[in-house]
Amino acid sequence: MVQSIIEALRSIGALGVFLIAILDSSFLSIPEINDIIVVSSVAKRPELFFYWPLLTTAGSVIGCLLLYLVARKGGQVFLHRWFSARRVKTIEMAFARYGSLALIIPALWPPPLPFKTFVATAGVLQFPLRRFLFTITLARAVRYYGEALLAVLYGKEVEAFLVQHSLMLALIIVAVVTIAFFVHRLIETRLEAKSVGSAPAKNGSICA
């Protein structure tokens, strides 16, 4: 049933692809369908390199936003109804410790990582909306434009390669993102410490 719906949507072109991306990122799980669509479409028409990833990214962001808003309104009741308590607790701890990185990594990671759980948890925890949209857009764009670039360089062979080596590619991307994130945090922390240390003394304080 789901497969027939997907084929029907794909047959109507760009609008269908856009709707597939929305459905897959919200309330319907269609593992790797967006990745396959991007790769196959760009490999067939490389001149549309910017178009297909943009369309898929936009649809994915809208789908995530829908799930985020529903979860934000439904609260813990919604979250525990659809996801296991153990998984929810683990993800809540990830948000508490890593912030945006708890969204970036699953947005880049291939199935079967439960990305929807992270999106729903962000809604329940009232993760800042603008920050949520920026994070999801950035991560999805990196994923789909990265795949599109591979499709331009290597053609349709990339589709089989992604299926066979998706975990390895995701590990590479996540490693780069994680390193960049922690380097940014380290620089930010040092700049803040330097700013506090060089702040002028308050009036009435004793100077050496």
Protein backbone atom coordinates (compact mmCIF):
# COMPACT_ATOMS: atom_id res chain seq x y z
CA MET A 1 0.00 0.00 0.00
CA VAL A 2 2.72 2.48 1.03
CA GLN A 3 4.87 1.52 -1.96
CA SER A 4 2.00 2.12 -4.38
CA ILE A 5 1.41 5.55 -2.86
CA ILE A 6 5.09 6.41 -3.25
CA GLU A 7 5.14 5.30 -6.88
CA ALA A 8 2.02 7.36 -7.59
CA LEU A 9 3.60 10.44 -6.00
CA ARG A 10 6.86 10.00 -7.87
CA SER A 11 4.99 9.75 -11.15
CA ILE A 12 3.69 13.31 -10.82
CA GLY A 13 7.19 14.76 -10.70
CA ALA A 14 8.51 17.57 -8.51
CA LEU A 15 5.33 18.03 -6.48
CA GLY A 16 5.23 14.31 -5.73
CA VAL A 17 8.87 14.29 -4.60
CA PHE A 18 8.16 17.29 -2.39
CA LEU A 19 5.18 15.51 -0.78
CA ILE A 20 7.20 12.32 -0.28
CA ALA A 21 9.84 14.32 1.60
CA ILE A 22 7.16 15.87 3.83
CA LEU A 23 5.50 12.52 4.58
CA ASP A 24 8.78 10.71 5.24
CA SER A 25 9.94 13.33 7.74
CA SER A 26 6.63 13.60 9.58
CA PHE A 27 4.32 10.65 10.11
CA LEU A 28 5.26 8.07 7.48
CA SER A 29 8.53 6.11 7.46
CA ILE A 30 9.97 5.42 4.00
CA PRO A 31 13.63 4.50 4.65
CA GLU A 32 16.15 6.04 2.25
CA ILE A 33 13.50 7.06 -0.31
CA ASN A 34 14.61 10.70 -0.35
CA ASP A 35 18.25 9.72 -0.79
CA ILE A 36 17.39 7.44 -3.71
CA ILE A 37 15.23 10.10 -5.37
CA VAL A 38 17.97 12.74 -5.11
CA VAL A 39 20.68 10.46 -6.46
CA SER A 40 18.64 8.98 -9.31
CA SER A 41 17.22 12.37 -10.36
CA VAL A 42 20.57 14.19 -10.34
CA ALA A 43 22.36 11.29 -12.04
CA LYS A 44 19.79 11.44 -14.85
CA ARG A 45 19.95 15.24 -15.20
CA PRO A 46 23.14 16.67 -13.60
CA GLU A 47 22.17 20.20 -14.66
CA LEU A 48 19.46 20.04 -11.96
CA PHE A 49 22.06 19.54 -9.22
CA PHE A 50 20.74 22.46 -7.13
CA TYR A 51 17.06 21.78 -7.76
CA TRP A 52 16.41 18.24 -6.45
CA PRO A 53 18.33 18.51 -3.14
CA LEU A 54 16.66 21.90 -2.51
CA LEU A 55 13.21 20.42 -3.12
CA THR A 56 13.89 17.42 -0.90
CA THR A 57 15.46 19.52 1.86
CA ALA A 58 12.48 21.89 1.88
CA GLY A 59 10.00 19.02 2.07
CA SER A 60 11.96 17.31 4.82
CA VAL A 61 12.14 20.50 6.89
CA ILE A 62 8.39 21.04 6.56
CA GLY A 63 7.72 17.42 7.59
CA CYS A 64 9.99 17.76 10.62
CA LEU A 65 8.28 21.02 11.55
CA LEU A 66 4.85 19.35 11.46
CA LEU A 67 6.03 16.57 13.77
CA TYR A 68 7.78 19.09 16.04
CA LEU A 69 4.61 21.20 16.40
CA VAL A 70 2.35 18.20 17.06
CA ALA A 71 4.77 16.86 19.68
CA ARG A 72 5.14 20.29 21.26
CA LYS A 73 1.38 20.52 21.66
CA GLY A 74 0.91 16.90 22.76
CA GLY A 75 3.74 16.98 25.31
CA GLN A 76 5.03 13.96 27.19
CA VAL A 77 1.75 12.10 26.65
CA PHE A 78 2.28 12.17 22.88
CA LEU A 79 5.94 11.23 23.19
CA HIS A 80 5.45 8.22 25.46
CA ARG A 81 2.47 7.02 23.47
CA TRP A 82 4.46 6.66 20.26
CA PHE A 83 7.99 5.99 21.52
CA SER A 84 9.50 3.80 24.24
CA ALA A 85 10.25 5.45 27.60
CA ARG A 86 13.84 4.19 27.53
CA ARG A 87 14.54 5.70 24.11
CA VAL A 88 12.92 9.00 25.07
CA LYS A 89 15.00 9.26 28.25
CA THR A 90 18.23 8.61 26.31
CA ILE A 91 17.37 11.27 23.75
CA GLU A 92 16.40 13.80 26.42
CA MET A 93 19.83 13.29 28.00
CA ALA A 94 21.46 13.82 24.61
CA PHE A 95 19.65 17.15 24.19
CA ALA A 96 20.62 18.22 27.70
CA ARG A 97 24.27 17.47 27.05
CA TYR A 98 24.83 18.26 23.37
CA GLY A 99 22.06 20.67 22.33
CA SER A 100 21.87 21.11 18.55
CA LEU A 101 24.27 18.23 17.96
CA ALA A 102 21.51 15.89 19.19
CA LEU A 103 19.57 16.92 16.06
CA ILE A 104 22.42 17.27 13.59
CA ILE A 105 23.79 13.74 13.92
CA PRO A 106 20.48 11.85 13.50
CA ALA A 107 19.52 14.16 10.62
CA LEU A 108 22.68 13.03 8.83
CA TRP A 109 22.57 9.39 9.90
CA PRO A 110 20.98 6.76 7.63
CA PRO A 111 18.08 4.51 8.74
CA PRO A 112 17.28 2.72 10.98
CA LEU A 113 18.30 5.47 13.45
CA PRO A 114 14.97 6.74 14.88
CA PHE A 115 15.29 10.34 13.66
CA LYS A 116 11.59 11.07 14.28
CA THR A 117 12.09 10.44 17.99
CA PHE A 118 14.70 13.20 18.12
CA VAL A 119 12.41 15.61 16.26
CA ALA A 120 9.42 14.81 18.51
CA THR A 121 11.56 15.10 21.65
CA ALA A 122 12.78 18.52 20.47
CA GLY A 123 9.15 19.61 20.26
CA VAL A 124 8.24 18.28 23.70
CA LEU A 125 11.32 19.90 25.26
CA GLN A 126 10.37 23.15 23.48
CA PHE A 127 13.69 23.36 21.71
CA PRO A 128 13.84 26.93 20.29
CA LEU A 129 11.91 26.95 17.00
CA ARG A 130 14.32 29.11 14.99
CA ARG A 131 17.27 27.09 16.18
CA PHE A 132 15.39 23.88 15.34
CA LEU A 133 14.62 25.03 11.79
CA PHE A 134 18.18 26.23 11.19
CA THR A 135 19.69 22.98 12.49
CA ILE A 136 17.39 20.69 10.49
CA THR A 137 17.80 22.74 7.32
CA LEU A 138 21.59 22.77 7.60
CA ALA A 139 21.88 19.03 8.32
CA ARG A 140 19.44 17.93 5.60
CA ALA A 141 21.05 20.25 3.04
CA VAL A 142 24.49 18.82 3.79
CA ARG A 143 23.12 15.29 3.41
CA TYR A 144 21.20 15.74 0.17
CA TYR A 145 23.63 18.10 -1.57
CA GLY A 146 26.47 15.75 -0.62
CA GLU A 147 24.62 12.88 -2.26
CA ALA A 148 23.83 15.03 -5.31
CA LEU A 149 27.51 15.89 -5.71
CA LEU A 150 28.40 12.20 -5.66
CA ALA A 151 25.70 11.55 -8.26
CA VAL A 152 27.18 14.21 -10.55
CA LEU A 153 30.66 12.76 -10.16
CA TYR A 154 29.86 9.06 -10.36
CA GLY A 155 26.37 8.73 -11.87
CA LYS A 156 23.80 6.11 -10.97
CA GLU A 157 26.45 3.82 -9.47
CA VAL A 158 26.26 6.04 -6.38
CA GLU A 159 22.77 4.73 -5.59
CA ALA A 160 24.05 1.18 -5.05
CA PHE A 161 27.10 2.53 -3.22
CA LEU A 162 24.92 4.54 -0.82
CA VAL A 163 22.79 1.50 -0.02
CA GLN A 164 25.86 -0.66 0.64
CA HIS A 165 28.05 1.91 2.39
CA SER A 166 25.58 4.40 3.86
CA LEU A 167 26.82 3.75 7.39
CA MET A 168 30.44 4.46 6.46
CA LEU A 169 29.51 7.71 4.71
CA ALA A 170 27.36 8.78 7.64
CA LEU A 171 30.22 8.07 10.06
CA ILE A 172 32.57 10.25 8.01
CA ILE A 173 30.09 13.13 7.83
CA VAL A 174 29.17 12.87 11.50
CA ALA A 175 32.85 12.76 12.50
CA VAL A 176 33.56 15.95 10.55
CA VAL A 177 30.48 17.70 11.97
CA THR A 178 31.25 16.57 15.52
CA ILE A 179 34.87 17.75 15.33
CA ALA A 180 33.76 21.10 13.90
CA PHE A 181 31.13 21.44 16.61
CA PHE A 182 33.53 20.81 19.48
CA VAL A 183 36.23 23.03 17.98
CA HIS A 184 33.62 25.79 17.74
CA ARG A 185 32.57 25.18 21.36
CA LEU A 186 36.19 25.24 22.52
CA ILE A 187 36.95 28.50 20.71
CA GLU A 188 33.71 30.03 21.98
CA THR A 189 34.47 29.03 25.58
CA ARG A 190 38.00 30.46 25.42
CA LEU A 191 36.78 33.73 23.92
CA GLU A 192 34.16 34.06 26.65
CA ALA A 193 36.76 33.37 29.34
CA LYS A 194 39.13 35.91 27.79
CA SER A 195 36.32 38.48 27.60
CA VAL A 196 35.46 37.99 31.28
CA GLY A 197 39.12 38.14 32.30
CA SER A 198 39.74 41.38 30.43
CA ALA A 199 36.55 43.11 31.59
CA PRO A 200 37.22 46.46 33.33
CA ALA A 201 36.95 46.51 37.09
CA LYS A 202 33.79 47.93 38.59
CA ASN A 203 33.80 51.37 40.21
CA GLY A 204 34.95 51.24 43.79
CA SER A 205 36.97 48.04 43.34
CA ILE A 206 40.53 47.82 44.66
CA CYS A 207 43.14 47.81 41.88
CA ALA A 208 46.69 46.55 42.35
